[in-house]
Amino acid sequence: MKDIFAITKNVQRYMAGIEAVRTPIRGRIGMMLAFGPPGTGKTEVGMWYAAQNDVPYIRAKDITSRRGLLSNIVAELGEAPAYSSDSLFDQAVEQLLERPRAILIDEVDYLVRGGMIEILRDLNDITNVPVVMMGMEHADKKIKRFRHLYDRISAVVHFELFGDLEIADLAGQICEAELTPSAISYIHRQSQGKLRLITTWMSRAEQIAKLNDLQRVDMPHLRAYKGAR
C-alpha cells in the first residue's frame, strides 16, 4: 500500500465542514458535528487533521468523567493539568484564549450521558474557538436533546460507507495493484463498504498480484484467496 493519506469523499466533506465552522457568523464561531456508522474513517480523518494542523485531539471513553475530560483537554493543550474540575476548566479557557485553535473531540457519544457535553458548549461560548465533535451513527439525534448546544452547530458532516466508485478512487490512490471493476465490486460486497476491511482486501490484492506476477487482479483471484484461507 502506498504510504499516503487518501483524500476520499468523506475527507472532502470533513474539510468543507471545517472551513464552514471557521467562518464567523455575526462574530461567533460555531461547532461542528461529524458522525456516521463504524468503519467510515472518522477517527483516522480526525487524527490526520489534528496532526496536520497542530490542534488537540481528545478521545472520550466510556469511563470518562468531567474531571477526566477537562484533564485530557488541558494536557492536549500543552499544560500540566490541575486537580479540581474548576481549575481545569479555567486552565483550558486560559490556553484557548492565549492561543486560539480548534479542539477535536472523538467518541462524543460518551459525553451525552450526564450532560458532560455541555462542557464543550461552555468552552465554545467563552473562548469562541471551533469545537469539532465526532460520533457514531446516531450522534446527531442524541445531541439534539441539548438544544442550546445543538443550535451552535454550524456544520454537520455525515460520514458514509464506501460504494464501488469510492473504492475504485481509493484504490487508484493507495493500492499498488490494479483492480478490475469486478474485483472492486467483490471488495465492496465483502467489506460492506467499511474502510478497514476495504484496505485489508486491497493489501490482499497486492499480495496476489506479486505472488502470481499479475498485471491486474480480478474477482476470481480474490475469491481463490478467500477460499484458501
Protein backbone atom coordinates (compact mmCIF):
# COMPACT_ATOMS: atom_id res chain seq x y z
CA MET A 1 0.00 0.00 0.00
CA LYS A 2 1.24 3.50 -0.79
CA ASP A 3 2.18 5.46 2.32
CA ILE A 4 -0.15 8.39 1.74
CA PHE A 5 -3.32 9.72 3.29
CA ALA A 6 -6.07 9.20 0.73
CA ILE A 7 -8.48 12.05 0.07
CA THR A 8 -11.88 10.38 -0.06
CA LYS A 9 -15.31 11.98 -0.30
CA ASN A 10 -15.63 11.67 3.47
CA VAL A 11 -12.38 13.60 3.87
CA GLN A 12 -13.60 16.25 1.43
CA ARG A 13 -16.86 16.63 3.34
CA TYR A 14 -14.95 16.87 6.63
CA MET A 15 -12.66 19.59 5.32
CA ALA A 16 -15.60 21.53 3.90
CA GLY A 17 -17.21 21.36 7.34
CA ILE A 18 -14.01 22.62 8.97
CA GLU A 19 -13.92 25.59 6.62
CA ALA A 20 -17.58 26.37 7.31
CA VAL A 21 -17.18 26.26 11.08
CA ARG A 22 -14.12 28.53 10.96
CA THR A 23 -16.18 31.26 9.30
CA PRO A 24 -17.72 33.53 11.96
CA ILE A 25 -21.47 34.17 11.88
CA ARG A 26 -22.13 37.60 13.40
CA GLY A 27 -18.76 37.36 15.12
CA ARG A 28 -19.38 33.92 16.60
CA ILE A 29 -17.50 30.73 15.76
CA GLY A 30 -19.73 27.67 15.77
CA MET A 31 -19.33 23.98 16.46
CA MET A 32 -19.13 21.04 14.06
CA LEU A 33 -20.54 17.53 14.26
CA ALA A 34 -19.11 14.71 12.14
CA PHE A 35 -20.90 11.39 12.55
CA GLY A 36 -21.58 8.13 10.77
CA PRO A 37 -21.54 4.33 11.03
CA PRO A 38 -18.44 2.41 12.16
CA GLY A 39 -15.81 1.79 9.52
CA THR A 40 -16.12 5.07 7.65
CA GLY A 41 -12.79 6.52 8.79
CA LYS A 42 -13.92 9.24 11.20
CA THR A 43 -11.17 8.66 13.74
CA GLU A 44 -8.47 8.40 11.06
CA VAL A 45 -9.57 11.69 9.49
CA GLY A 46 -9.75 13.44 12.86
CA MET A 47 -6.28 12.28 13.88
CA TRP A 48 -4.85 13.21 10.47
CA TYR A 49 -6.35 16.71 10.62
CA ALA A 50 -5.15 17.21 14.20
CA ALA A 51 -1.60 16.18 13.30
CA GLN A 52 -1.53 18.32 10.16
CA ASN A 53 -2.79 21.42 11.94
CA ASP A 54 -1.27 21.02 15.41
CA VAL A 55 -4.61 21.04 17.19
CA PRO A 56 -5.58 18.92 20.20
CA TYR A 57 -7.34 15.61 19.58
CA ILE A 58 -9.21 14.14 22.57
CA ARG A 59 -10.90 10.75 22.53
CA ALA A 60 -13.68 10.27 25.07
CA LYS A 61 -14.16 6.89 26.72
CA ASP A 62 -16.99 5.07 28.41
CA ILE A 63 -15.40 5.80 31.81
CA THR A 64 -14.67 9.47 31.09
CA SER A 65 -15.67 11.84 33.93
CA ARG A 66 -15.97 15.62 33.89
CA ARG A 67 -12.56 15.94 35.51
CA GLY A 68 -11.11 13.34 33.16
CA LEU A 69 -12.40 15.15 30.08
CA LEU A 70 -11.07 18.52 31.22
CA SER A 71 -7.76 17.00 32.28
CA ASN A 72 -7.31 15.44 28.83
CA ILE A 73 -8.16 18.73 27.12
CA VAL A 74 -5.67 20.68 29.26
CA ALA A 75 -2.94 18.09 28.68
CA GLU A 76 -3.51 18.17 24.91
CA LEU A 77 -3.32 21.97 25.05
CA GLY A 78 0.19 21.57 26.46
CA GLU A 79 -0.22 22.36 30.14
CA ALA A 80 0.11 20.23 33.28
CA PRO A 81 -3.47 19.56 34.49
CA ALA A 82 -4.57 20.98 37.83
CA TYR A 83 -6.56 18.88 40.30
CA SER A 84 -10.06 20.31 40.59
CA SER A 85 -12.56 20.49 37.74
CA ASP A 86 -13.00 24.25 38.20
CA SER A 87 -9.25 24.84 37.94
CA LEU A 88 -9.01 22.56 34.91
CA PHE A 89 -11.78 24.45 33.15
CA ASP A 90 -10.04 27.76 33.87
CA GLN A 91 -6.79 26.31 32.52
CA ALA A 92 -8.47 25.22 29.28
CA VAL A 93 -10.11 28.62 28.82
CA GLU A 94 -6.83 30.44 29.52
CA GLN A 95 -4.93 28.32 27.00
CA LEU A 96 -7.57 28.72 24.29
CA LEU A 97 -7.77 32.48 24.79
CA GLU A 98 -4.00 32.79 24.74
CA ARG A 99 -3.60 30.62 21.65
CA PRO A 100 -6.95 30.12 19.86
CA ARG A 101 -7.27 26.86 17.91
CA ALA A 102 -9.87 24.22 17.25
CA ILE A 103 -10.29 21.27 19.59
CA LEU A 104 -11.38 17.85 18.31
CA ILE A 105 -13.44 15.51 20.49
CA ASP A 106 -13.88 11.94 19.24
CA GLU A 107 -16.44 9.40 20.54
CA VAL A 108 -18.58 12.30 21.71
CA ASP A 109 -21.48 9.89 22.30
CA TYR A 110 -19.91 9.02 25.66
CA LEU A 111 -20.26 12.65 26.76
CA VAL A 112 -24.01 12.79 26.22
CA ARG A 113 -24.64 10.77 29.33
CA GLY A 114 -24.77 13.04 32.37
CA GLY A 115 -24.61 16.16 30.25
CA MET A 116 -20.81 16.33 30.08
CA ILE A 117 -21.16 17.54 26.51
CA GLU A 118 -22.27 20.91 27.91
CA ILE A 119 -18.62 21.49 28.87
CA LEU A 120 -17.85 21.75 25.16
CA ARG A 121 -20.59 24.33 24.71
CA ASP A 122 -19.17 26.37 27.58
CA LEU A 123 -15.67 26.28 26.09
CA ASN A 124 -17.01 27.41 22.72
CA ASP A 125 -19.12 30.12 24.34
CA ILE A 126 -16.31 31.63 26.41
CA THR A 127 -13.33 31.23 24.05
CA ASN A 128 -15.07 31.44 20.65
CA VAL A 129 -12.88 28.66 19.19
CA PRO A 130 -14.17 25.90 16.88
CA VAL A 131 -15.17 22.71 18.67
CA VAL A 132 -15.30 19.68 16.37
CA MET A 133 -17.27 16.72 17.71
CA MET A 134 -17.12 13.25 16.14
CA GLY A 135 -19.56 10.49 16.97
CA MET A 136 -21.33 7.35 15.91
CA GLU A 137 -24.24 6.86 13.55
CA HIS A 138 -26.97 8.43 15.68
CA ALA A 139 -24.88 11.08 17.45
CA ASP A 140 -26.94 13.86 15.86
CA LYS A 141 -30.15 12.55 17.42
CA LYS A 142 -28.51 12.25 20.84
CA ILE A 143 -27.08 15.76 20.75
CA LYS A 144 -30.38 17.29 19.60
CA ARG A 145 -31.62 16.75 23.15
CA PHE A 146 -29.23 19.55 24.19
CA ARG A 147 -30.98 22.35 22.36
CA HIS A 148 -28.65 25.17 23.40
CA LEU A 149 -25.66 23.17 22.22
CA TYR A 150 -27.20 21.86 19.00
CA ASP A 151 -28.15 25.38 17.95
CA ARG A 152 -24.44 26.27 17.98
CA ILE A 153 -23.59 23.60 15.40
CA SER A 154 -22.92 25.38 12.13
CA ALA A 155 -21.57 22.37 10.18
CA VAL A 156 -22.89 18.80 10.14
CA VAL A 157 -20.86 16.19 8.24
CA HIS A 158 -22.24 12.71 7.63
CA PHE A 159 -19.60 10.05 7.00
CA GLU A 160 -20.85 7.38 4.61
CA LEU A 161 -19.88 3.80 3.81
CA PHE A 162 -17.89 3.35 0.61
CA GLY A 163 -19.55 2.40 -2.68
CA ASP A 164 -17.95 0.94 -5.81
CA LEU A 165 -16.91 4.32 -7.24
CA GLU A 166 -15.30 5.46 -3.99
CA ILE A 167 -13.49 2.13 -3.59
CA ALA A 168 -12.15 2.46 -7.14
CA ASP A 169 -10.99 6.01 -6.42
CA LEU A 170 -9.34 4.88 -3.17
CA ALA A 171 -7.61 2.02 -4.99
CA GLY A 172 -6.22 4.48 -7.51
CA GLN A 173 -4.69 6.47 -4.67
CA ILE A 174 -3.23 3.81 -2.37
CA CYS A 175 -3.35 0.32 -3.91
CA GLU A 176 -0.21 -0.84 -5.72
CA ALA A 177 -2.17 -3.48 -7.65
CA GLU A 178 -4.56 -2.67 -10.48
CA LEU A 179 -8.08 -3.88 -9.70
CA THR A 180 -10.69 -4.75 -12.31
CA PRO A 181 -14.27 -3.45 -11.92
CA SER A 182 -15.40 -6.93 -10.86
CA ALA A 183 -12.66 -7.01 -8.20
CA ILE A 184 -13.86 -3.63 -6.94
CA SER A 185 -17.43 -4.92 -6.71
CA TYR A 186 -16.24 -8.04 -4.90
CA ILE A 187 -14.32 -5.94 -2.35
CA HIS A 188 -17.42 -3.80 -1.88
CA ARG A 189 -19.57 -6.83 -1.09
CA GLN A 190 -17.02 -8.45 1.20
CA SER A 191 -16.24 -5.26 3.11
CA GLN A 192 -19.82 -3.91 3.25
CA GLY A 193 -18.27 -0.53 2.43
CA LYS A 194 -16.15 -0.39 5.62
CA LEU A 195 -12.80 1.30 5.17
CA ARG A 196 -10.74 -1.01 7.36
CA LEU A 197 -11.94 -4.11 5.50
CA ILE A 198 -11.53 -2.39 2.14
CA THR A 199 -7.87 -1.67 2.81
CA THR A 200 -7.38 -5.24 4.07
CA TRP A 201 -8.71 -6.59 0.77
CA MET A 202 -6.53 -4.18 -1.19
CA SER A 203 -3.50 -5.44 0.72
CA ARG A 204 -4.50 -8.99 -0.21
CA ALA A 205 -4.84 -7.96 -3.84
CA GLU A 206 -1.28 -6.62 -3.75
CA GLN A 207 -0.04 -9.92 -2.35
CA ILE A 208 -1.91 -11.86 -5.05
CA ALA A 209 -0.50 -9.66 -7.82
CA LYS A 210 3.07 -10.02 -6.51
CA LEU A 211 2.95 -13.78 -5.94
CA ASN A 212 1.35 -14.52 -9.31
CA ASP A 213 3.05 -11.79 -11.37
CA LEU A 214 -0.32 -10.34 -12.40
CA GLN A 215 -0.88 -7.10 -14.27
CA ARG A 216 -4.46 -6.88 -12.96
CA VAL A 217 -6.27 -8.55 -10.08
CA ASP A 218 -9.75 -9.84 -10.91
CA MET A 219 -12.63 -11.15 -8.81
CA PRO A 220 -11.70 -14.87 -9.29
CA HIS A 221 -8.25 -14.14 -7.84
CA LEU A 222 -9.78 -12.63 -4.71
CA ARG A 223 -12.27 -15.48 -4.42
CA ALA A 224 -9.46 -18.01 -4.66
CA TYR A 225 -7.55 -16.18 -1.92
CA LYS A 226 -10.58 -16.28 0.36
CA GLY A 227 -11.12 -19.97 -0.35
CA ALA A 228 -7.51 -20.73 0.52
CA ARG A 229 -7.75 -19.12 3.96
